[in-house]
Amino acid sequence: MYMLARIAVIPLTLIFTAALLNQSHSIATLSSTLVATLNLLMATILPDRVTWESIVAGVFSSLFVALYPNVLLRAYRQLVSDLVPQGDLLTADDDPNATVLGTKEETRAYWRILHYTSLMSIMILLPITILSGELWQIRRNCYFLDVPWFWFLMGCGGVGSWAVFSPFLLLVKATSPLSAQFVTVPRSIFQLAVLNRFRLPVHSWIGLSLSLASCFWYVLVRRREDWSRKRSRLEGRM
């Protein structure tokens, strides 16, 4: 049900990358991503288990998840351009999607983005936790707050969340927001098979197989596009 609620992340990411970052996607990229998403939908859908509440929650959740890497990359580029001294060369070529140069400026912008994102998350979530009364419910109903093993697991969860959160911007910057979101498709394929102990209906196995094949197709398409882009840059310099 969770994977089904997040199924619209990839299509929304395609829309946001084109609208916010002015990135154009080839027919092969659109085909591979949408085919992988549709087949994952076929594998995860369960008759008589979908309610309107889950649909509404999934739409809003997918909207913000797809928007996050695009806003993150735009903010990072804006910070770097503000940190670079006026008159310096910002990009290696005329490609508007090229990575901004300057190791010092990039490093400062990277840590500043992480700091701002963490601080804003705390400022938004902490009042919601207090106003909703969850702290009082936790204090009243949770009887394991004095167990060291519980706090050890909480600490491990925090370290794991930071380990995922901190390199996400590097992944988005090195690849693209679409590629950073598309890695969730093979992860969902693996999780769906393992968590169900490989006991899936026939239509789910067909959907997972076609979705996995589309993932390999996407990798080949991106490699071919990168090679073509590098070749055109070399020819332009020559």
Protein backbone atom coordinates (compact mmCIF):
# COMPACT_ATOMS: atom_id res chain seq x y z
CA MET A 1 0.00 0.00 0.00
CA TYR A 2 2.88 2.39 0.78
CA MET A 3 4.52 1.74 -2.61
CA LEU A 4 1.18 2.12 -4.34
CA ALA A 5 0.67 5.50 -2.66
CA ARG A 6 4.08 6.72 -3.92
CA ILE A 7 3.66 5.45 -7.48
CA ALA A 8 3.20 8.95 -8.95
CA VAL A 9 6.62 10.23 -7.82
CA ILE A 10 8.42 9.50 -11.12
CA PRO A 11 5.79 11.10 -13.43
CA LEU A 12 5.65 14.17 -11.20
CA THR A 13 9.45 14.37 -11.18
CA LEU A 14 9.43 14.42 -14.99
CA ILE A 15 7.02 17.36 -14.90
CA PHE A 16 8.92 19.30 -12.23
CA THR A 17 12.34 18.85 -13.88
CA ALA A 18 10.93 20.24 -17.11
CA ALA A 19 9.06 23.11 -15.43
CA LEU A 20 11.53 24.17 -12.72
CA LEU A 21 14.93 23.22 -14.16
CA ASN A 22 14.17 23.55 -17.90
CA GLN A 23 15.46 20.04 -18.53
CA SER A 24 14.25 18.31 -21.68
CA HIS A 25 13.80 14.53 -21.63
CA SER A 26 14.25 12.31 -24.64
CA ILE A 27 11.61 9.89 -25.86
CA ALA A 28 13.71 6.96 -24.65
CA THR A 29 13.99 8.45 -21.14
CA LEU A 30 10.27 9.11 -20.95
CA SER A 31 9.46 5.63 -22.23
CA SER A 32 11.77 3.77 -19.85
CA THR A 33 10.69 5.69 -16.75
CA LEU A 34 6.96 5.55 -17.47
CA VAL A 35 7.04 1.87 -18.46
CA ALA A 36 8.90 1.02 -15.24
CA THR A 37 6.36 3.01 -13.20
CA LEU A 38 3.31 1.45 -14.90
CA ASN A 39 4.64 -2.06 -14.45
CA LEU A 40 5.44 -1.38 -10.80
CA LEU A 41 1.86 -0.14 -10.47
CA MET A 42 0.61 -3.40 -11.95
CA ALA A 43 2.74 -5.36 -9.48
CA THR A 44 1.62 -3.45 -6.38
CA ILE A 45 -2.06 -2.91 -7.04
CA LEU A 46 -4.43 -4.93 -4.87
CA PRO A 47 -8.14 -5.24 -5.70
CA ASP A 48 -10.58 -4.02 -3.04
CA ARG A 49 -7.75 -2.60 -0.90
CA VAL A 50 -7.58 0.98 -2.23
CA THR A 51 -9.52 3.66 -0.36
CA TRP A 52 -9.98 7.32 -1.17
CA GLU A 53 -8.03 8.33 1.93
CA SER A 54 -4.96 6.43 0.71
CA ILE A 55 -5.32 7.99 -2.73
CA VAL A 56 -5.44 11.55 -1.32
CA ALA A 57 -2.52 10.88 1.03
CA GLY A 58 -0.53 9.31 -1.81
CA VAL A 59 -1.11 12.26 -4.14
CA PHE A 60 0.06 14.83 -1.58
CA SER A 61 2.98 12.67 -0.48
CA SER A 62 4.11 12.05 -4.06
CA LEU A 63 3.81 15.75 -4.85
CA PHE A 64 6.22 16.85 -2.13
CA VAL A 65 8.60 13.92 -2.63
CA ALA A 66 8.91 14.72 -6.35
CA LEU A 67 9.30 18.44 -5.68
CA TYR A 68 12.05 18.08 -3.06
CA PRO A 69 15.12 17.25 -5.25
CA ASN A 70 14.21 19.93 -7.79
CA VAL A 71 13.89 22.65 -5.16
CA LEU A 72 17.06 21.38 -3.49
CA LEU A 73 19.09 21.62 -6.72
CA ARG A 74 17.71 25.06 -7.57
CA ALA A 75 18.56 26.36 -4.12
CA TYR A 76 22.05 24.87 -4.33
CA ARG A 77 22.75 26.48 -7.70
CA GLN A 78 21.47 29.82 -6.46
CA LEU A 79 23.70 29.64 -3.38
CA VAL A 80 26.77 28.81 -5.45
CA SER A 81 26.08 31.63 -7.89
CA ASP A 82 25.74 34.03 -4.93
CA LEU A 83 29.01 32.82 -3.39
CA VAL A 84 31.06 33.00 -6.59
CA PRO A 85 32.69 36.47 -7.01
CA GLN A 86 31.14 38.63 -9.69
CA GLY A 87 32.75 38.24 -13.11
CA ASP A 88 34.06 34.72 -12.54
CA LEU A 89 33.18 31.89 -14.90
CA LEU A 90 30.30 29.87 -13.48
CA THR A 91 30.03 26.94 -15.88
CA ALA A 92 32.38 24.87 -17.93
CA ASP A 93 30.40 25.50 -21.11
CA ASP A 94 27.17 27.04 -22.34
CA ASP A 95 25.03 24.19 -21.01
CA PRO A 96 22.52 25.70 -18.54
CA ASN A 97 22.39 22.38 -16.66
CA ALA A 98 26.16 22.13 -16.17
CA THR A 99 27.57 21.87 -12.67
CA VAL A 100 28.83 25.11 -11.19
CA LEU A 101 32.58 25.35 -10.80
CA GLY A 102 34.52 26.40 -7.74
CA THR A 103 35.38 23.86 -5.07
CA LYS A 104 35.27 26.30 -2.17
CA GLU A 105 31.93 27.78 -3.20
CA GLU A 106 30.41 24.37 -3.85
CA THR A 107 31.49 23.07 -0.45
CA ARG A 108 30.13 26.09 1.38
CA ALA A 109 26.85 25.92 -0.52
CA TYR A 110 26.54 22.19 0.17
CA TRP A 111 26.92 22.52 3.95
CA ARG A 112 24.73 25.61 4.01
CA ILE A 113 21.93 23.73 2.21
CA LEU A 114 22.16 20.86 4.71
CA HIS A 115 22.13 23.31 7.63
CA TYR A 116 19.14 25.26 6.32
CA THR A 117 17.16 22.13 5.48
CA SER A 118 17.76 20.57 8.90
CA LEU A 119 16.93 23.80 10.74
CA MET A 120 13.75 24.44 8.75
CA SER A 121 12.62 20.83 9.28
CA ILE A 122 13.02 21.21 13.05
CA MET A 123 11.22 24.57 13.03
CA ILE A 124 8.27 23.12 11.11
CA LEU A 125 7.94 19.70 12.75
CA LEU A 126 8.52 20.65 16.40
CA PRO A 127 5.48 22.98 16.71
CA ILE A 128 3.31 20.39 14.95
CA THR A 129 4.41 17.76 17.46
CA ILE A 130 3.62 20.05 20.39
CA LEU A 131 0.28 21.33 19.09
CA SER A 132 -0.99 17.88 18.13
CA GLY A 133 -0.50 16.60 21.68
CA GLU A 134 1.73 13.72 20.60
CA LEU A 135 4.31 14.46 23.29
CA TRP A 136 1.68 14.03 26.01
CA GLN A 137 0.41 10.81 24.42
CA ILE A 138 3.95 9.45 24.20
CA ARG A 139 4.62 10.30 27.84
CA ARG A 140 1.35 8.69 28.92
CA ASN A 141 1.22 5.56 26.73
CA CYS A 142 4.84 4.60 25.99
CA TYR A 143 6.26 2.55 28.85
CA PHE A 144 9.65 1.81 27.30
CA LEU A 145 11.19 5.30 27.36
CA ASP A 146 13.59 4.20 30.12
CA VAL A 147 14.84 1.18 28.17
CA PRO A 148 18.42 1.73 26.87
CA TRP A 149 17.84 -0.57 23.90
CA PHE A 150 15.04 1.71 22.67
CA TRP A 151 17.29 4.78 22.69
CA PHE A 152 20.07 2.79 21.05
CA LEU A 153 17.71 1.94 18.18
CA MET A 154 16.60 5.58 18.01
CA GLY A 155 20.23 6.66 17.78
CA CYS A 156 20.91 4.13 15.04
CA GLY A 157 17.84 5.38 13.18
CA GLY A 158 19.06 8.95 13.44
CA VAL A 159 22.53 8.04 12.15
CA GLY A 160 20.98 6.10 9.28
CA SER A 161 18.68 8.99 8.39
CA TRP A 162 21.62 11.41 8.35
CA ALA A 163 23.63 8.97 6.22
CA VAL A 164 20.82 9.01 3.64
CA PHE A 165 20.03 12.73 3.93
CA SER A 166 23.56 14.13 3.65
CA PRO A 167 24.69 12.50 0.34
CA PHE A 168 21.30 12.96 -1.38
CA LEU A 169 22.25 16.43 -2.63
CA LEU A 170 25.52 15.01 -3.97
CA LEU A 171 23.56 12.34 -5.85
CA VAL A 172 21.16 14.91 -7.29
CA LYS A 173 24.04 17.18 -8.31
CA ALA A 174 26.11 14.38 -9.84
CA THR A 175 23.23 12.82 -11.79
CA SER A 176 19.86 14.59 -11.92
CA PRO A 177 16.69 14.84 -9.82
CA LEU A 178 15.09 12.24 -12.08
CA SER A 179 17.90 9.71 -11.59
CA ALA A 180 17.95 10.35 -7.85
CA GLN A 181 14.24 9.53 -7.67
CA PHE A 182 14.37 6.64 -10.15
CA VAL A 183 16.64 4.61 -7.87
CA THR A 184 13.57 4.02 -5.71
CA VAL A 185 12.06 1.83 -8.45
CA PRO A 186 14.56 -1.08 -8.21
CA ARG A 187 14.51 -0.66 -4.43
CA SER A 188 10.72 -1.05 -4.45
CA ILE A 189 11.01 -4.13 -6.66
CA PHE A 190 13.42 -5.75 -4.21
CA GLN A 191 11.40 -4.78 -1.14
CA LEU A 192 8.12 -5.98 -2.62
CA ALA A 193 9.55 -9.39 -3.38
CA VAL A 194 11.45 -9.83 -0.10
CA LEU A 195 8.78 -8.51 2.28
CA ASN A 196 6.21 -10.83 0.68
CA ARG A 197 8.68 -13.74 0.99
CA PHE A 198 8.60 -14.18 -2.79
CA ARG A 199 4.95 -15.26 -2.56
CA LEU A 200 3.38 -12.98 -5.14
CA PRO A 201 0.62 -13.56 -7.68
CA VAL A 202 1.44 -14.05 -11.33
CA HIS A 203 0.52 -10.51 -12.38
CA SER A 204 2.89 -9.10 -9.72
CA TRP A 205 5.81 -11.20 -10.97
CA ILE A 206 5.13 -10.07 -14.53
CA GLY A 207 5.00 -6.44 -13.43
CA LEU A 208 8.21 -6.73 -11.40
CA SER A 209 10.06 -8.42 -14.27
CA LEU A 210 9.01 -5.79 -16.82
CA SER A 211 9.76 -2.99 -14.37
CA LEU A 212 13.24 -4.37 -13.70
CA ALA A 213 13.87 -4.66 -17.44
CA SER A 214 12.81 -1.02 -17.82
CA CYS A 215 15.32 -0.05 -15.13
CA PHE A 216 18.15 -1.61 -17.17
CA TRP A 217 16.75 0.18 -20.21
CA TYR A 218 16.90 3.49 -18.36
CA VAL A 219 20.54 2.91 -17.38
CA LEU A 220 21.47 2.19 -21.00
CA VAL A 221 19.59 5.26 -22.20
CA ARG A 222 21.30 7.55 -19.70
CA ARG A 223 24.75 6.17 -20.54
CA ARG A 224 24.13 6.68 -24.25
CA GLU A 225 22.91 10.24 -23.68
CA ASP A 226 25.95 11.05 -21.50
CA TRP A 227 28.32 9.70 -24.14
CA SER A 228 26.55 11.74 -26.83
CA ARG A 229 26.71 14.87 -24.70
CA LYS A 230 30.44 14.41 -23.99
CA ARG A 231 31.17 13.76 -27.66
CA SER A 232 29.32 16.91 -28.73
CA ARG A 233 31.28 18.94 -26.16
CA LEU A 234 34.59 17.60 -27.46
CA GLU A 235 33.61 18.32 -31.03
CA GLY A 236 32.56 21.84 -30.07
CA ARG A 237 35.91 22.52 -28.38
CA MET A 238 37.83 21.19 -31.36
